[in-house]
Amino acid sequence: MNMIKKILKDKRVIVTVLAIVLVLLLVDFNQRMSLLTRLRGQEKMLTERYAQLESTRMALENELVYIQSDEAVERWAREEAMMIQEGDVPIILLPPADPVPTQAPSQPVIIEEIKKWQIWQELFFGE
C-alpha cells in the first residue's frame, strides 16, 4: 500500500500516464475522423448515384405512359408499319429514273511549305 501511494505521489508517473492516455485518445480520434471522411465520400457518391437512378426511373415511367397511349400506337402504325387509315391517300416515293451525276472531287491543291531559311536565302542571294 505504501508503495502505491508513493507512485501516485510522484508527479512524473502521473504525467507520463496522462500523456500515454492522451496519445491513445488522439490516435483513436484520428482513426474515427478518417473513417468519417471516407464514409461521407461514399455517402455523396451513393446520393449522386441514387439521383441518377431516380431520374432514369422517372424517364422510363414517362416513356411507358407514352408507349401505352393511342398517339404512340398510331405513330408506330403509320411510320414503321406503313399502315394507313380510311380516307388517307398513300404516297410512295420512287427513286428518280435518271440519277443526277455528281461531280468527281477535284484533285487537292498541294502547297509546298517553304522553310524560313529558304526565305532568307532568297532575300539575300536571290535574283
Protein backbone atom coordinates (compact mmCIF):
# COMPACT_ATOMS: atom_id res chain seq x y z
CA MET A 1 0.00 0.00 0.00
CA ASN A 2 2.71 2.34 0.93
CA MET A 3 4.47 1.84 -2.40
CA ILE A 4 1.29 2.57 -4.38
CA LYS A 5 0.86 5.85 -2.51
CA LYS A 6 4.47 6.76 -3.31
CA ILE A 7 3.95 6.04 -7.02
CA LEU A 8 0.76 8.10 -7.09
CA LYS A 9 2.51 11.00 -5.34
CA ASP A 10 5.29 11.04 -7.90
CA LYS A 11 4.17 13.65 -10.45
CA ARG A 12 6.31 12.23 -13.24
CA VAL A 13 4.42 8.94 -13.21
CA ILE A 14 1.07 10.72 -13.27
CA VAL A 15 2.14 12.98 -16.17
CA THR A 16 3.51 10.00 -18.11
CA VAL A 17 0.30 8.01 -17.66
CA LEU A 18 -1.79 11.03 -18.68
CA ALA A 19 0.41 11.60 -21.75
CA ILE A 20 0.03 7.96 -22.82
CA VAL A 21 -3.75 8.12 -22.36
CA LEU A 22 -3.87 11.40 -24.31
CA VAL A 23 -1.82 9.94 -27.18
CA LEU A 24 -4.11 6.89 -27.33
CA LEU A 25 -7.18 9.14 -27.39
CA LEU A 26 -5.69 11.27 -30.19
CA VAL A 27 -4.86 8.19 -32.28
CA ASP A 28 -8.41 6.89 -31.81
CA PHE A 29 -9.84 10.32 -32.70
CA ASN A 30 -7.71 10.45 -35.87
CA GLN A 31 -8.89 7.00 -36.95
CA ARG A 32 -12.51 7.97 -36.38
CA MET A 33 -12.10 11.20 -38.36
CA SER A 34 -10.56 9.37 -41.33
CA LEU A 35 -13.38 6.83 -41.19
CA LEU A 36 -15.92 9.66 -41.09
CA THR A 37 -14.30 11.34 -44.12
CA ARG A 38 -14.35 8.09 -46.10
CA LEU A 39 -17.97 7.39 -45.16
CA ARG A 40 -19.05 10.91 -46.15
CA GLY A 41 -17.39 10.44 -49.55
CA GLN A 42 -19.24 7.17 -50.02
CA GLU A 43 -22.48 8.82 -48.93
CA LYS A 44 -22.03 11.59 -51.50
CA MET A 45 -21.27 9.09 -54.26
CA LEU A 46 -24.27 6.94 -53.37
CA THR A 47 -26.54 10.00 -53.17
CA GLU A 48 -25.48 11.06 -56.68
CA ARG A 49 -25.99 7.51 -57.99
CA TYR A 50 -29.44 7.38 -56.38
CA ALA A 51 -30.39 10.69 -58.04
CA GLN A 52 -29.26 9.33 -61.42
CA LEU A 53 -31.23 6.12 -60.96
CA GLU A 54 -34.29 8.06 -59.81
CA SER A 55 -34.22 10.29 -62.89
CA THR A 56 -33.79 7.21 -65.10
CA ARG A 57 -36.77 5.58 -63.40
CA MET A 58 -38.91 8.68 -63.94
CA ALA A 59 -37.88 8.89 -67.62
CA LEU A 60 -38.73 5.21 -68.13
CA GLU A 61 -42.10 5.67 -66.44
CA ASN A 62 -42.87 8.62 -68.72
CA GLU A 63 -41.83 6.60 -71.76
CA LEU A 64 -44.01 3.70 -70.61
CA VAL A 65 -47.02 6.00 -70.27
CA TYR A 66 -46.38 7.41 -73.76
CA ILE A 67 -45.89 3.98 -75.33
CA GLN A 68 -49.22 2.81 -73.95
CA SER A 69 -51.03 5.86 -75.37
CA ASP A 70 -53.11 5.88 -78.57
CA GLU A 71 -50.83 8.55 -80.05
CA ALA A 72 -47.78 6.26 -79.84
CA VAL A 73 -49.67 3.33 -81.35
CA GLU A 74 -50.87 5.47 -84.26
CA ARG A 75 -47.39 6.88 -84.82
CA TRP A 76 -45.89 3.36 -84.89
CA ALA A 77 -48.61 2.13 -87.26
CA ARG A 78 -48.08 5.00 -89.72
CA GLU A 79 -44.28 5.36 -89.60
CA GLU A 80 -42.93 1.87 -89.03
CA ALA A 81 -45.71 -0.50 -90.10
CA MET A 82 -46.66 1.70 -93.11
CA MET A 83 -50.38 1.43 -92.33
CA ILE A 84 -52.97 3.95 -93.46
CA GLN A 85 -56.41 4.93 -92.24
CA GLU A 86 -59.58 5.13 -94.29
CA GLY A 87 -59.54 8.24 -96.41
CA ASP A 88 -55.76 8.53 -96.49
CA VAL A 89 -54.06 8.72 -99.87
CA PRO A 90 -50.85 6.71 -99.78
CA ILE A 91 -47.85 8.32 -101.46
CA ILE A 92 -44.93 6.11 -102.38
CA LEU A 93 -41.75 7.90 -103.36
CA LEU A 94 -39.78 6.23 -106.13
CA PRO A 95 -36.14 6.87 -106.90
CA PRO A 96 -35.56 9.05 -109.99
CA ALA A 97 -35.30 7.19 -113.30
CA ASP A 98 -32.19 9.11 -114.41
CA PRO A 99 -29.87 9.64 -111.48
CA VAL A 100 -28.22 13.04 -111.40
CA PRO A 101 -24.46 12.65 -111.93
CA THR A 102 -22.33 14.15 -109.25
CA GLN A 103 -19.06 15.84 -109.96
CA ALA A 104 -15.97 13.90 -109.08
CA PRO A 105 -13.97 15.63 -106.39
CA SER A 106 -11.19 17.73 -107.84
CA GLN A 107 -7.59 16.93 -107.11
CA PRO A 108 -6.45 18.64 -103.92
CA VAL A 109 -4.02 21.51 -104.41
CA ILE A 110 -0.71 20.71 -102.78
CA ILE A 111 1.03 23.75 -101.42
CA GLU A 112 4.72 23.29 -100.88
CA GLU A 113 5.82 24.50 -97.50
CA ILE A 114 8.69 26.96 -97.65
CA LYS A 115 11.05 26.93 -94.75
CA LYS A 116 12.28 30.12 -93.12
CA TRP A 117 15.90 29.58 -94.16
CA GLN A 118 14.79 29.35 -97.80
CA ILE A 119 13.03 32.72 -97.48
CA TRP A 120 16.17 34.34 -96.04
CA GLN A 121 18.36 32.72 -98.67
CA GLU A 122 16.12 34.08 -101.42
CA LEU A 123 16.08 37.52 -99.78
CA PHE A 124 19.89 37.84 -99.62
CA PHE A 125 21.12 35.75 -102.57
CA GLY A 126 18.08 35.65 -104.87
CA GLU A 127 17.94 37.09 -108.35
